[in-house]
Protein backbone atom coordinates (compact mmCIF):
# COMPACT_ATOMS: atom_id res chain seq x y z
CA LEU A 1 143.22 72.54 112.27
CA SER A 2 139.50 73.22 112.10
CA ILE A 3 139.86 76.50 114.11
CA CYS A 4 142.64 77.68 111.80
CA PHE A 5 140.58 76.82 108.70
CA ARG A 6 137.52 78.78 110.19
CA THR A 7 139.77 81.79 110.81
CA VAL A 8 141.52 81.86 107.49
CA GLU A 9 138.65 80.70 105.18
CA PRO A 10 135.42 81.33 107.16
CA LEU A 11 133.10 81.19 104.11
CA GLU A 12 134.56 77.94 102.78
CA TYR A 13 134.34 76.49 106.26
CA TYR A 14 130.61 77.37 106.31
CA ARG A 15 130.03 76.10 102.92
CA ARG A 16 131.26 72.60 103.90
CA PHE A 17 128.63 72.48 106.53
CA LEU A 18 125.85 73.92 104.45
CA LYS A 19 126.46 71.23 101.81
CA GLU A 20 125.43 68.81 104.49
CA ASN A 21 122.32 70.83 105.34
CA CYS A 22 123.57 71.84 108.77
CA ARG A 23 125.54 74.67 110.45
CA PRO A 24 128.69 74.81 112.57
CA ASP A 25 126.59 75.25 115.75
CA GLY A 26 124.66 72.02 114.99
CA ARG A 27 121.44 73.62 113.82
CA GLU A 28 119.57 72.72 110.70
CA LEU A 29 119.16 75.46 108.12
CA GLY A 30 115.61 76.18 109.15
CA GLU A 31 116.13 75.94 112.91
CA PHE A 32 116.08 78.83 115.36
CA ARG A 33 118.41 79.16 118.35
CA ALA A 34 116.96 78.55 121.79
CA THR A 35 114.47 81.38 122.49
CA THR A 36 113.51 82.58 126.01
CA VAL A 37 111.40 85.48 127.29
CA ASN A 38 111.04 86.96 130.71
CA ILE A 39 108.15 89.42 131.19
CA GLY A 40 107.54 91.54 134.15
CA ASN A 41 107.08 95.17 135.16
CA GLU A 42 109.24 94.61 138.23
CA GLN A 43 112.29 94.47 135.95
CA HIS A 44 114.48 97.55 135.60
CA PHE A 45 115.99 98.75 132.39
CA LEU A 46 118.72 101.26 131.50
CA SER A 47 117.55 104.40 129.65
CA SER A 48 119.47 107.52 129.01
CA GLY A 49 122.10 106.58 131.56
CA SER A 50 119.69 106.19 134.50
CA ILE A 51 117.85 103.18 135.91
CA THR A 52 114.13 103.68 135.37
CA THR A 53 111.23 101.50 136.43
CA ALA A 54 109.20 100.59 133.34
CA ASP A 55 105.38 100.48 132.94
CA GLY A 56 106.02 97.23 131.13
CA SER A 57 109.24 95.29 130.24
CA ALA A 58 110.49 92.10 128.81
CA LEU A 59 113.85 90.41 128.23
CA VAL A 60 114.36 88.22 125.14
CA LYS A 61 117.25 85.82 124.44
CA LEU A 62 117.76 84.34 120.98
CA GLY A 63 120.79 82.18 121.41
CA ASN A 64 123.45 84.65 122.75
CA THR A 65 121.59 87.72 121.43
CA THR A 66 119.94 89.38 124.41
CA VAL A 67 117.58 92.34 124.21
CA ILE A 68 115.59 94.19 126.89
CA CYS A 69 112.58 96.37 126.08
CA GLY A 70 111.10 98.84 128.54
CA VAL A 71 107.89 100.79 127.87
CA LYS A 72 107.42 104.05 129.64
CA ALA A 73 103.95 105.78 129.35
CA GLU A 74 103.55 109.54 129.64
CA LEU A 75 100.59 111.92 129.07
CA ALA A 76 100.65 114.56 126.26
CA ALA A 77 98.37 116.61 124.06
CA PRO A 78 97.46 114.81 120.72
CA ALA A 79 98.76 116.26 117.48
CA VAL A 80 96.43 118.74 115.89
CA ASP A 81 95.99 116.56 112.71
CA SER A 82 95.44 113.45 114.84
CA ALA A 83 93.26 114.75 117.63
CA ASN A 84 91.93 111.20 118.60
CA LYS A 85 95.28 109.39 118.53
CA GLY A 86 98.15 108.72 120.94
CA TYR A 87 101.77 108.10 120.06
CA ILE A 88 104.18 105.04 120.05
CA VAL A 89 107.83 106.09 119.93
CA PRO A 90 110.26 103.18 119.50
CA ASN A 91 114.06 103.39 119.83
CA VAL A 92 116.60 100.64 119.42
CA GLU A 93 119.99 101.10 121.08
CA LEU A 94 123.10 99.09 120.16
CA PRO A 95 125.57 100.24 122.83
CA SER A 96 129.24 99.49 122.73
CA LEU A 97 128.88 97.14 125.63
CA CYS A 98 126.92 94.61 123.50
CA SER A 99 129.49 94.10 120.86
CA THR A 100 132.92 95.34 119.69
CA ARG A 101 131.32 96.25 116.32
CA PHE A 102 129.47 99.15 117.88
CA ARG A 103 130.96 102.37 119.23
CA SER A 104 129.89 104.81 121.94
CA GLY A 105 128.19 108.00 120.81
CA PRO A 106 125.11 108.80 118.60
CA PRO A 107 123.13 105.94 117.18
CA GLY A 108 124.98 104.25 114.24
CA GLU A 109 123.47 103.13 110.95
CA GLU A 110 122.43 99.68 112.20
CA ALA A 111 120.59 101.05 115.25
CA GLN A 112 118.83 103.66 113.13
CA ALA A 113 117.77 101.01 110.68
CA ALA A 114 116.54 98.78 113.46
CA SER A 115 114.57 101.73 115.03
CA GLN A 116 112.95 102.39 111.65
CA PHE A 117 112.17 98.68 111.18
CA ILE A 118 110.34 98.52 114.56
CA ALA A 119 108.46 101.76 113.71
CA ASP A 120 107.29 100.11 110.45
CA VAL A 121 106.22 96.96 112.27
CA ILE A 122 104.11 99.01 114.69
CA GLU A 123 102.54 100.98 111.83
CA ASN A 124 102.04 98.12 109.35
CA SER A 125 100.72 95.51 111.76
CA GLN A 126 98.47 97.77 113.80
CA ILE A 127 99.75 96.04 116.96
CA ILE A 128 98.00 98.87 118.85
CA ALA A 129 95.39 101.19 117.50
CA LYS A 130 96.63 104.72 118.17
CA GLU A 131 92.97 105.70 118.81
CA ASP A 132 93.05 103.26 121.90
CA LEU A 133 95.75 105.63 123.40
CA CYS A 134 93.48 108.68 123.31
CA ILE A 135 91.95 109.74 126.62
CA ALA A 136 90.11 112.91 125.49
CA SER A 137 90.03 113.85 121.80
CA GLY A 138 92.13 117.00 121.19
CA LYS A 139 93.09 117.27 124.83
CA LEU A 140 94.90 114.32 126.22
CA ALA A 141 96.61 110.96 125.05
CA TRP A 142 99.23 108.41 126.03
CA VAL A 143 102.68 108.43 124.57
CA LEU A 144 104.36 105.07 124.85
CA TYR A 145 108.20 105.28 124.69
CA CYS A 146 109.57 101.86 123.81
CA ASP A 147 113.27 101.68 124.53
CA ILE A 148 114.81 98.46 123.12
CA ILE A 149 118.36 97.91 124.32
CA CYS A 150 120.72 95.18 123.11
CA LEU A 151 122.75 93.72 126.01
CA ASP A 152 124.60 91.09 123.98
CA TYR A 153 124.76 91.04 120.19
CA ASP A 154 125.16 87.82 118.21
CA GLY A 155 123.11 88.52 115.08
CA ASN A 156 119.41 88.71 114.23
CA ILE A 157 118.68 91.89 116.27
CA LEU A 158 115.38 92.48 114.36
CA ASP A 159 113.68 89.35 115.46
CA ALA A 160 114.77 89.73 119.07
CA SER A 161 113.72 93.41 119.08
CA ALA A 162 110.31 92.72 117.63
CA PHE A 163 109.79 89.95 120.11
CA ALA A 164 110.87 92.00 123.07
CA LEU A 165 108.58 94.91 121.99
CA LEU A 166 105.54 92.73 121.69
CA ALA A 167 106.22 91.01 125.02
CA ALA A 168 106.76 94.28 126.84
CA LEU A 169 103.57 95.79 125.40
CA LYS A 170 101.58 92.78 126.57
CA ASN A 171 102.86 93.53 130.06
CA VAL A 172 101.91 97.22 130.14
CA GLN A 173 99.30 98.37 132.58
CA LEU A 174 98.10 101.98 132.31
CA PRO A 175 96.37 103.79 135.17
CA SER A 176 92.86 105.14 134.68
CA VAL A 177 92.88 108.78 133.71
CA THR A 178 89.91 111.18 133.55
CA ILE A 179 89.62 114.94 132.95
CA ASN A 180 87.90 116.92 135.64
CA GLU A 181 85.04 118.87 134.01
CA GLU A 182 85.36 121.80 136.38
CA THR A 183 89.21 122.38 136.49
CA GLY A 184 90.02 120.87 133.10
CA LEU A 185 92.94 119.01 134.71
CA SER A 186 93.76 115.35 134.29
CA GLU A 187 93.23 112.98 137.30
CA VAL A 188 95.21 109.87 137.46
CA ASN A 189 93.93 106.85 139.45
CA LEU A 190 97.02 104.62 140.15
CA LYS A 191 94.89 102.04 141.96
CA GLN A 192 92.87 101.24 138.76
CA LYS A 193 95.11 99.94 135.95
CA ASN A 194 94.19 98.44 132.57
CA PRO A 195 96.22 96.41 130.16
CA LEU A 196 96.83 97.74 126.60
CA VAL A 197 94.54 96.35 123.92
CA ILE A 198 96.92 94.38 121.72
CA ARG A 199 95.19 93.98 118.36
CA GLN A 200 97.78 91.98 116.48
CA HIS A 201 100.91 89.94 117.50
CA PRO A 202 103.45 90.69 114.77
CA VAL A 203 106.41 88.30 114.68
CA ALA A 204 109.64 88.89 112.65
CA THR A 205 111.46 85.95 111.09
CA SER A 206 114.94 86.73 109.56
CA PHE A 207 116.95 84.76 107.05
CA ALA A 208 120.46 85.05 105.68
CA ILE A 209 121.12 84.30 102.10
CA PHE A 210 124.28 82.33 101.25
CA ASP A 211 125.75 82.36 97.73
CA ASP A 212 122.66 84.08 96.39
CA THR A 213 120.46 80.98 96.70
CA LEU A 214 120.67 79.21 100.11
CA LEU A 215 118.49 80.48 102.91
CA ILE A 216 119.21 79.93 106.61
CA VAL A 217 117.03 81.10 109.41
CA ASP A 218 117.96 83.11 112.49
CA PRO A 219 121.59 83.99 111.45
CA THR A 220 124.35 84.58 114.05
CA ALA A 221 126.54 87.66 113.73
CA GLU A 222 129.16 85.55 111.90
CA GLU A 223 126.58 84.19 109.50
CA GLU A 224 125.30 87.71 108.77
CA ASP A 225 128.80 88.84 107.95
CA LEU A 226 129.37 85.98 105.55
CA ALA A 227 125.99 86.17 103.88
CA THR A 228 125.26 87.73 100.47
CA GLY A 229 122.08 89.25 101.83
CA THR A 230 119.39 89.17 104.54
CA VAL A 231 115.63 89.31 104.56
CA THR A 232 113.11 89.68 107.40
CA VAL A 233 109.52 88.71 107.02
CA VAL A 234 106.86 89.98 109.51
CA THR A 235 103.50 88.15 109.79
CA ASP A 236 100.45 88.62 111.95
CA ASP A 237 97.95 86.33 113.76
CA GLU A 238 95.99 85.55 110.55
CA GLY A 239 99.16 84.52 108.71
CA ARG A 240 99.07 87.74 106.71
CA LEU A 241 102.21 89.51 105.61
CA CYS A 242 102.80 92.78 107.50
CA SER A 243 106.12 93.70 105.83
CA VAL A 244 109.26 92.34 104.08
CA HIS A 245 112.48 94.07 105.03
CA LYS A 246 115.29 93.47 102.58
CA PRO A 247 118.30 95.84 102.84
CA GLY A 248 120.01 95.19 99.47
CA GLY A 249 122.14 92.17 98.79
CA SER A 250 121.19 89.09 96.72
CA PRO A 251 117.77 89.21 95.00
CA LEU A 252 115.12 86.67 96.05
CA THR A 253 112.90 84.63 93.58
CA GLY A 254 109.19 84.63 94.17
CA ALA A 255 109.47 80.96 95.16
CA LYS A 256 112.23 81.61 97.74
CA LEU A 257 110.24 84.52 99.19
CA GLN A 258 107.25 82.21 99.50
CA ASP A 259 109.45 79.69 101.37
CA CYS A 260 110.35 82.46 103.83
CA ILE A 261 106.74 83.42 104.35
CA THR A 262 105.76 79.79 105.03
CA ARG A 263 108.51 79.45 107.58
CA ALA A 264 107.59 82.82 109.16
CA ILE A 265 104.01 81.69 109.65
CA THR A 266 105.21 78.62 111.55
CA ARG A 267 107.58 80.69 113.62
CA HIS A 268 104.69 83.14 114.43
CA LYS A 269 102.71 80.14 116.07
CA GLU A 270 105.81 79.19 118.02
CA VAL A 271 106.40 82.68 119.42
CA LYS A 272 102.75 83.32 120.21
CA LYS A 273 102.53 80.06 122.13
CA LEU A 274 105.69 80.96 124.09
CA ILE A 275 104.31 84.48 125.03
CA ASP A 276 100.87 83.07 125.99
CA LYS A 277 102.59 80.52 128.23
CA VAL A 278 104.69 83.10 130.02
CA ILE A 279 101.86 85.59 130.40
CA LYS A 280 99.71 82.88 131.86
CA SER A 281 102.39 81.88 134.34
CA ILE A 282 102.77 85.46 135.64
CA LYS A 283 99.07 86.26 136.04
CA PRO A 284 97.86 86.27 139.67
CA LYS A 285 96.23 82.93 140.48
């Protein structure tokens, strides 16, 4: 009977749980799904139809939502108007294999919005200073291609993508590069590698809004579909607000937004602790 009711009246089914301050999967309204992260540049990831070894990679699971991020570093000339800066180029892919809601072909609206969200997080949080990616001003800089691919979609793609990006960047090791004064050519020393300088650890925390007033954290795909709106709050190490992403839907009062920020600051500490623990475990003893 319960399954039939859920199928015919999914919103009413959810409301009955929400009245009791819980959700059908047993979580409280402010509770995240189990979160795991695997970091390691020995992982392989799928990019443009071919298997490529990444310079840094990470796999993040948020409940059933599974995202892999691979970072590929290449050398290029800096832009004329940013002679002392490198580039970070993020791309989020939601292939048809991760959910029946996505189709094969060019990136859909949701994938494009997710890519833009990640680009904004990189820019607003200053996770990496682009000046740190410059090797020789006006001559040579690093380009970091960050491919974020969803393997299994069950809601909250933004939190999982931001987490996977951060974890993968923490794992990147770039070879030492110098420019030969005589020939003007770049010389790469693969034996000497250095980690990226991560200046901030931005963490995204997403909420679904039910019936214009009730906030639930880390929504599943079903909860996103039933919600009257969503909001994602990004905070940094100092608890500062990097950005608020709210694509339409129910308006939020100042008090409700403050509730979101408070929960996001707590989530930031949880995620940072998890990343530090994993990084510590993979460092050579």
